[in-house]
Amino acid sequence: MLLPLITENMPRKKIVGKQNQEISLDLIKKIVKWDKKNQLLKDYKYRFIADIAEGKKSLSNPHKKIALWNLEKG
């Protein structure tokens, strides 16, 4: 699972728990910022969540589901 709580001083191993974790636009923006620095996501997964953060894709329920799948599987 690759959905870390994004804070500057938190180790990479701290992970948000459940599969039905609610994902928000704010959380996606924090993940994009974190991954831009740490480069842990695969390029296409990063691009997908970056597009949501930039408003190129909407944060619809299907997109939330895909974003969670991408972040859980790294």
PDB file of N, CA and C in Angstrom:
ATOM      1  N   MET A   1       0.846  -1.179   0.000  1.00  0.00           N
ATOM      2  CA  MET A   1       0.000   0.000   0.000  1.00  0.00           C
ATOM      3  C   MET A   1       0.884   1.231   0.000  1.00  0.00           C
ATOM      4  N   LEU A   2       0.521   2.187  -0.795  1.00  0.00           N
ATOM      5  CA  LEU A   2       1.393   3.337  -0.988  1.00  0.00           C
ATOM      6  C   LEU A   2       0.674   4.644  -0.710  1.00  0.00           C
ATOM      7  N   LEU A   3      -0.235   4.658   0.242  1.00  0.00           N
ATOM      8  CA  LEU A   3      -0.967   5.888   0.540  1.00  0.00           C
ATOM      9  C   LEU A   3      -0.423   6.468   1.837  1.00  0.00           C
ATOM     10  N   PRO A   4       0.755   7.091   1.783  1.00  0.00           N
ATOM     11  CA  PRO A   4       1.365   7.617   3.008  1.00  0.00           C
ATOM     12  C   PRO A   4       0.681   8.892   3.468  1.00  0.00           C
ATOM     13  N   LEU A   5       0.719   9.138   4.743  1.00  0.00           N
ATOM     14  CA  LEU A   5       0.294  10.444   5.250  1.00  0.00           C
ATOM     15  C   LEU A   5       1.405  11.404   4.886  1.00  0.00           C
ATOM     16  N   ILE A   6       1.056  12.455   4.181  1.00  0.00           N
ATOM     17  CA  ILE A   6       2.068  13.331   3.624  1.00  0.00           C
ATOM     18  C   ILE A   6       2.362  14.485   4.582  1.00  0.00           C
ATOM     19  N   THR A   7       3.467  14.352   5.268  1.00  0.00           N
ATOM     20  CA  THR A   7       3.999  15.450   6.071  1.00  0.00           C
ATOM     21  C   THR A   7       5.498  15.459   5.874  1.00  0.00           C
ATOM     22  N   GLU A   8       6.093  16.573   6.076  1.00  0.00           N
ATOM     23  CA  GLU A   8       7.523  16.716   5.803  1.00  0.00           C
ATOM     24  C   GLU A   8       8.410  15.823   6.667  1.00  0.00           C
ATOM     25  N   ASN A   9       8.029  15.599   7.923  1.00  0.00           N
ATOM     26  CA  ASN A   9       8.917  14.886   8.834  1.00  0.00           C
ATOM     27  C   ASN A   9       8.496  13.443   9.103  1.00  0.00           C
ATOM     28  N   MET A  10       7.505  12.952   8.400  1.00  0.00           N
ATOM     29  CA  MET A  10       7.007  11.606   8.665  1.00  0.00           C
ATOM     30  C   MET A  10       7.757  10.584   7.813  1.00  0.00           C
ATOM     31  N   PRO A  11       8.195   9.484   8.402  1.00  0.00           N
ATOM     32  CA  PRO A  11       8.873   8.452   7.619  1.00  0.00           C
ATOM     33  C   PRO A  11       7.946   7.831   6.590  1.00  0.00           C
ATOM     34  N   ARG A  12       8.522   7.293   5.527  1.00  0.00           N
ATOM     35  CA  ARG A  12       7.778   6.712   4.424  1.00  0.00           C
ATOM     36  C   ARG A  12       6.910   5.545   4.859  1.00  0.00           C
ATOM     37  N   LYS A  13       7.252   4.856   5.933  1.00  0.00           N
ATOM     38  CA  LYS A  13       6.539   3.646   6.345  1.00  0.00           C
ATOM     39  C   LYS A  13       5.193   3.924   7.016  1.00  0.00           C
ATOM     40  N   LYS A  14       4.944   5.152   7.433  1.00  0.00           N
ATOM     41  CA  LYS A  14       3.639   5.481   8.025  1.00  0.00           C
ATOM     42  C   LYS A  14       2.603   5.444   6.912  1.00  0.00           C
ATOM     43  N   ILE A  15       1.561   4.676   7.085  1.00  0.00           N
ATOM     44  CA  ILE A  15       0.597   4.457   6.010  1.00  0.00           C
ATOM     45  C   ILE A  15      -0.820   4.642   6.524  1.00  0.00           C
ATOM     46  N   VAL A  16      -1.644   5.228   5.698  1.00  0.00           N
ATOM     47  CA  VAL A  16      -3.073   5.321   6.012  1.00  0.00           C
ATOM     48  C   VAL A  16      -3.666   3.945   5.784  1.00  0.00           C
ATOM     49  N   GLY A  17      -4.502   3.516   6.710  1.00  0.00           N
ATOM     50  CA  GLY A  17      -4.931   2.148   6.747  1.00  0.00           C
ATOM     51  C   GLY A  17      -5.905   1.580   5.769  1.00  0.00           C
ATOM     52  N   LYS A  18      -7.139   1.823   5.796  1.00  0.00           N
ATOM     53  CA  LYS A  18      -8.137   0.959   5.205  1.00  0.00           C
ATOM     54  C   LYS A  18      -8.325   1.184   3.718  1.00  0.00           C
ATOM     55  N   GLN A  19      -8.808   0.136   3.056  1.00  0.00           N
ATOM     56  CA  GLN A  19      -9.030   0.176   1.628  1.00  0.00           C
ATOM     57  C   GLN A  19     -10.131   1.178   1.270  1.00  0.00           C
ATOM     58  N   ASN A  20     -11.077   1.378   2.140  1.00  0.00           N
ATOM     59  CA  ASN A  20     -12.157   2.314   1.857  1.00  0.00           C
ATOM     60  C   ASN A  20     -11.828   3.716   2.372  1.00  0.00           C
ATOM     61  N   GLN A  21     -10.567   4.041   2.456  1.00  0.00           N
ATOM     62  CA  GLN A  21     -10.101   5.364   2.875  1.00  0.00           C
ATOM     63  C   GLN A  21     -10.704   6.424   1.955  1.00  0.00           C
ATOM     64  N   GLU A  22     -11.279   7.449   2.538  1.00  0.00           N
ATOM     65  CA  GLU A  22     -11.843   8.552   1.749  1.00  0.00           C
ATOM     66  C   GLU A  22     -10.699   9.405   1.221  1.00  0.00           C
ATOM     67  N   ILE A  23     -10.763   9.731  -0.050  1.00  0.00           N
ATOM     68  CA  ILE A  23      -9.710  10.520  -0.673  1.00  0.00           C
ATOM     69  C   ILE A  23     -10.303  11.871  -1.067  1.00  0.00           C
ATOM     70  N   SER A  24      -9.586  12.930  -0.768  1.00  0.00           N
ATOM     71  CA  SER A  24     -10.065  14.278  -1.065  1.00  0.00           C
ATOM     72  C   SER A  24      -9.081  14.963  -2.009  1.00  0.00           C
ATOM     73  N   LEU A  25      -9.517  16.065  -2.576  1.00  0.00           N
ATOM     74  CA  LEU A  25      -8.649  16.829  -3.464  1.00  0.00           C
ATOM     75  C   LEU A  25      -7.429  17.346  -2.704  1.00  0.00           C
ATOM     76  N   ASP A  26      -7.631  17.742  -1.453  1.00  0.00           N
ATOM     77  CA  ASP A  26      -6.521  18.217  -0.633  1.00  0.00           C
ATOM     78  C   ASP A  26      -5.483  17.112  -0.423  1.00  0.00           C
ATOM     79  N   LEU A  27      -5.953  15.902  -0.136  1.00  0.00           N
ATOM     80  CA  LEU A  27      -5.039  14.768   0.049  1.00  0.00           C
ATOM     81  C   LEU A  27      -4.291  14.458  -1.243  1.00  0.00           C
ATOM     82  N   ILE A  28      -4.986  14.502  -2.371  1.00  0.00           N
ATOM     83  CA  ILE A  28      -4.337  14.239  -3.654  1.00  0.00           C
ATOM     84  C   ILE A  28      -3.259  15.282  -3.932  1.00  0.00           C
ATOM     85  N   LYS A  29      -3.533  16.536  -3.638  1.00  0.00           N
ATOM     86  CA  LYS A  29      -2.530  17.584  -3.844  1.00  0.00           C
ATOM     87  C   LYS A  29      -1.299  17.357  -2.965  1.00  0.00           C
ATOM     88  N   LYS A  30      -1.523  16.917  -1.718  1.00  0.00           N
ATOM     89  CA  LYS A  30      -0.392  16.625  -0.829  1.00  0.00           C
ATOM     90  C   LYS A  30       0.415  15.437  -1.343  1.00  0.00           C
ATOM     91  N   ILE A  31      -0.268  14.429  -1.862  1.00  0.00           N
ATOM     92  CA  ILE A  31       0.425  13.253  -2.397  1.00  0.00           C
ATOM     93  C   ILE A  31       1.248  13.636  -3.620  1.00  0.00           C
ATOM     94  N   VAL A  32       0.687  14.463  -4.490  1.00  0.00           N
ATOM     95  CA  VAL A  32       1.422  14.916  -5.679  1.00  0.00           C
ATOM     96  C   VAL A  32       2.681  15.673  -5.253  1.00  0.00           C
ATOM     97  N   LYS A  33       2.532  16.564  -4.291  1.00  0.00           N
ATOM     98  CA  LYS A  33       3.687  17.328  -3.795  1.00  0.00           C
ATOM     99  C   LYS A  33       4.741  16.396  -3.197  1.00  0.00           C
ATOM    100  N   TRP A  34       4.290  15.429  -2.386  1.00  0.00           N
ATOM    101  CA  TRP A  34       5.208  14.485  -1.757  1.00  0.00           C
ATOM    102  C   TRP A  34       5.907  13.620  -2.799  1.00  0.00           C
ATOM    103  N   ASP A  35       5.142  13.106  -3.774  1.00  0.00           N
ATOM    104  CA  ASP A  35       5.731  12.192  -4.758  1.00  0.00           C
ATOM    105  C   ASP A  35       6.631  12.919  -5.740  1.00  0.00           C
ATOM    106  N   LYS A  36       6.382  14.191  -5.976  1.00  0.00           N
ATOM    107  CA  LYS A  36       7.266  14.960  -6.847  1.00  0.00           C
ATOM    108  C   LYS A  36       8.674  14.982  -6.270  1.00  0.00           C
ATOM    109  N   LYS A  37       8.749  15.027  -4.945  1.00  0.00           N
ATOM    110  CA  LYS A  37      10.052  15.036  -4.262  1.00  0.00           C
ATOM    111  C   LYS A  37      10.622  13.616  -4.114  1.00  0.00           C
ATOM    112  N   ASN A  38       9.774  12.629  -3.795  1.00  0.00           N
ATOM    113  CA  ASN A  38      10.253  11.276  -3.488  1.00  0.00           C
ATOM    114  C   ASN A  38      10.209  10.291  -4.653  1.00  0.00           C
ATOM    115  N   GLN A  39       9.438  10.585  -5.687  1.00  0.00           N
ATOM    116  CA  GLN A  39       9.354   9.798  -6.915  1.00  0.00           C
ATOM    117  C   GLN A  39       9.178   8.296  -6.663  1.00  0.00           C
ATOM    118  N   LEU A  40       8.105   7.963  -5.961  1.00  0.00           N
ATOM    119  CA  LEU A  40       7.836   6.574  -5.653  1.00  0.00           C
ATOM    120  C   LEU A  40       6.776   5.970  -6.577  1.00  0.00           C
ATOM    121  N   LEU A  41       5.853   6.782  -7.049  1.00  0.00           N
ATOM    122  CA  LEU A  41       4.815   6.296  -7.954  1.00  0.00           C
ATOM    123  C   LEU A  41       5.371   6.101  -9.358  1.00  0.00           C
ATOM    124  N   LYS A  42       4.786   5.159 -10.095  1.00  0.00           N
ATOM    125  CA  LYS A  42       5.135   4.997 -11.504  1.00  0.00           C
ATOM    126  C   LYS A  42       4.630   6.223 -12.244  1.00  0.00           C
ATOM    127  N   ASP A  43       5.271   6.536 -13.369  1.00  0.00           N
ATOM    128  CA  ASP A  43       4.968   7.767 -14.099  1.00  0.00           C
ATOM    129  C   ASP A  43       3.491   7.923 -14.429  1.00  0.00           C
ATOM    130  N   TYR A  44       2.849   6.880 -14.962  1.00  0.00           N
ATOM    131  CA  TYR A  44       1.454   7.009 -15.376  1.00  0.00           C
ATOM    132  C   TYR A  44       0.528   7.184 -14.168  1.00  0.00           C
ATOM    133  N   LYS A  45       0.888   6.612 -13.029  1.00  0.00           N
ATOM    134  CA  LYS A  45       0.083   6.776 -11.826  1.00  0.00           C
ATOM    135  C   LYS A  45       0.232   8.192 -11.277  1.00  0.00           C
ATOM    136  N   TYR A  46       1.451   8.691 -11.299  1.00  0.00           N
ATOM    137  CA  TYR A  46       1.690  10.065 -10.869  1.00  0.00           C
ATOM    138  C   TYR A  46       0.932  11.039 -11.768  1.00  0.00           C
ATOM    139  N   ARG A  47       1.007  10.825 -13.072  1.00  0.00           N
ATOM    140  CA  ARG A  47       0.340  11.722 -14.022  1.00  0.00           C
ATOM    141  C   ARG A  47      -1.173  11.743 -13.784  1.00  0.00           C
ATOM    142  N   PHE A  48      -1.749  10.580 -13.481  1.00  0.00           N
ATOM    143  CA  PHE A  48      -3.191  10.498 -13.239  1.00  0.00           C
ATOM    144  C   PHE A  48      -3.592  11.352 -12.035  1.00  0.00           C
ATOM    145  N   ILE A  49      -2.891  11.191 -10.915  1.00  0.00           N
ATOM    146  CA  ILE A  49      -3.274  11.974  -9.732  1.00  0.00           C
ATOM    147  C   ILE A  49      -2.877  13.440  -9.883  1.00  0.00           C
ATOM    148  N   ALA A  50      -1.808  13.721 -10.628  1.00  0.00           N
ATOM    149  CA  ALA A  50      -1.431  15.110 -10.885  1.00  0.00           C
ATOM    150  C   ALA A  50      -2.502  15.799 -11.731  1.00  0.00           C
ATOM    151  N   ASP A  51      -3.066  15.081 -12.695  1.00  0.00           N
ATOM    152  CA  ASP A  51      -4.144  15.637 -13.514  1.00  0.00           C
ATOM    153  C   ASP A  51      -5.362  15.970 -12.653  1.00  0.00           C
ATOM    154  N   ILE A  52      -5.658  15.145 -11.681  1.00  0.00           N
ATOM    155  CA  ILE A  52      -6.769  15.437 -10.762  1.00  0.00           C
ATOM    156  C   ILE A  52      -6.434  16.674  -9.933  1.00  0.00           C
ATOM    157  N   ALA A  53      -5.220  16.729  -9.410  1.00  0.00           N
ATOM    158  CA  ALA A  53      -4.808  17.866  -8.576  1.00  0.00           C
ATOM    159  C   ALA A  53      -4.826  19.178  -9.358  1.00  0.00           C
ATOM    160  N   GLU A  54      -4.484  19.120 -10.644  1.00  0.00           N
ATOM    161  CA  GLU A  54      -4.435  20.320 -11.482  1.00  0.00           C
ATOM    162  C   GLU A  54      -5.801  20.679 -12.062  1.00  0.00           C
ATOM    163  N   GLY A  55      -6.805  19.829 -11.846  1.00  0.00           N
ATOM    164  CA  GLY A  55      -8.139  20.107 -12.358  1.00  0.00           C
ATOM    165  C   GLY A  55      -8.378  19.627 -13.779  1.00  0.00           C
ATOM    166  N   LYS A  56      -7.427  18.907 -14.366  1.00  0.00           N
ATOM    167  CA  LYS A  56      -7.607  18.383 -15.722  1.00  0.00           C
ATOM    168  C   LYS A  56      -8.570  17.202 -15.727  1.00  0.00           C
ATOM    169  N   LYS A  57      -8.654  16.510 -14.611  1.00  0.00           N
ATOM    170  CA  LYS A  57      -9.623  15.426 -14.421  1.00  0.00           C
ATOM    171  C   LYS A  57     -10.441  15.771 -13.181  1.00  0.00           C
ATOM    172  N   SER A  58     -11.699  15.381 -13.210  1.00  0.00           N
ATOM    173  CA  SER A  58     -12.553  15.658 -12.052  1.00  0.00           C
ATOM    174  C   SER A  58     -12.308  14.612 -10.965  1.00  0.00           C
ATOM    175  N   LEU A  59     -12.701  14.940  -9.758  1.00  0.00           N
ATOM    176  CA  LEU A  59     -12.568  13.996  -8.644  1.00  0.00           C
ATOM    177  C   LEU A  59     -13.899  13.262  -8.476  1.00  0.00           C
ATOM    178  N   SER A  60     -14.297  12.566  -9.527  1.00  0.00           N
ATOM    179  CA  SER A  60     -15.534  11.800  -9.505  1.00  0.00           C
ATOM    180  C   SER A  60     -15.306  10.493  -8.750  1.00  0.00           C
ATOM    181  N   ASN A  61     -16.370   9.805  -8.425  1.00  0.00           N
ATOM    182  CA  ASN A  61     -16.236   8.533  -7.706  1.00  0.00           C
ATOM    183  C   ASN A  61     -15.384   7.521  -8.462  1.00  0.00           C
ATOM    184  N   PRO A  62     -15.559   7.349  -9.792  1.00  0.00           N
ATOM    185  CA  PRO A  62     -14.665   6.416 -10.496  1.00  0.00           C
ATOM    186  C   PRO A  62     -13.194   6.838 -10.424  1.00  0.00           C
ATOM    187  N   HIS A  63     -12.935   8.145 -10.529  1.00  0.00           N
ATOM    188  CA  HIS A  63     -11.547   8.613 -10.450  1.00  0.00           C
ATOM    189  C   HIS A  63     -10.981   8.434  -9.044  1.00  0.00           C
ATOM    190  N   LYS A  64     -11.821   8.623  -8.028  1.00  0.00           N
ATOM    191  CA  LYS A  64     -11.376   8.368  -6.652  1.00  0.00           C
ATOM    192  C   LYS A  64     -10.962   6.911  -6.497  1.00  0.00           C
ATOM    193  N   LYS A  65     -11.786   6.018  -7.031  1.00  0.00           N
ATOM    194  CA  LYS A  65     -11.511   4.582  -6.927  1.00  0.00           C
ATOM    195  C   LYS A  65     -10.193   4.228  -7.622  1.00  0.00           C
ATOM    196  N   ILE A  66      -9.990   4.758  -8.824  1.00  0.00           N
ATOM    197  CA  ILE A  66      -8.755   4.487  -9.567  1.00  0.00           C
ATOM    198  C   ILE A  66      -7.552   5.076  -8.830  1.00  0.00           C
ATOM    199  N   ALA A  67      -7.706   6.284  -8.305  1.00  0.00           N
ATOM    200  CA  ALA A  67      -6.599   6.913  -7.559  1.00  0.00           C
ATOM    201  C   ALA A  67      -6.220   6.060  -6.344  1.00  0.00           C
ATOM    202  N   LEU A  68      -7.217   5.566  -5.614  1.00  0.00           N
ATOM    203  CA  LEU A  68      -6.925   4.715  -4.465  1.00  0.00           C
ATOM    204  C   LEU A  68      -6.230   3.430  -4.893  1.00  0.00           C
ATOM    205  N   TRP A  69      -6.703   2.810  -5.976  1.00  0.00           N
ATOM    206  CA  TRP A  69      -6.050   1.593  -6.462  1.00  0.00           C
ATOM    207  C   TRP A  69      -4.591   1.877  -6.813  1.00  0.00           C
ATOM    208  N   ASN A  70      -4.348   2.991  -7.523  1.00  0.00           N
ATOM    209  CA  ASN A  70      -2.984   3.344  -7.904  1.00  0.00           C
ATOM    210  C   ASN A  70      -2.110   3.559  -6.683  1.00  0.00           C
ATOM    211  N   LEU A  71      -2.637   4.226  -5.666  1.00  0.00           N
ATOM    212  CA  LEU A  71      -1.841   4.548  -4.495  1.00  0.00           C
ATOM    213  C   LEU A  71      -1.632   3.332  -3.593  1.00  0.00           C
ATOM    214  N   GLU A  72      -2.598   2.422  -3.560  1.00  0.00           N
ATOM    215  CA  GLU A  72      -2.438   1.226  -2.739  1.00  0.00           C
ATOM    216  C   GLU A  72      -1.434   0.260  -3.326  1.00  0.00           C
ATOM    217  N   LYS A  73      -1.369   0.173  -4.638  1.00  0.00           N
ATOM    218  CA  LYS A  73      -0.490  -0.796  -5.283  1.00  0.00           C
ATOM    219  C   LYS A  73       0.868  -0.231  -5.632  1.00  0.00           C
ATOM    220  N   GLY A  74       1.023   1.084  -5.515  1.00  0.00           N
ATOM    221  CA  GLY A  74       2.303   1.727  -5.767  1.00  0.00           C
ATOM    222  C   GLY A  74       2.744   1.530  -7.116  1.00  0.00           C
TER     223      GLY A  74
END
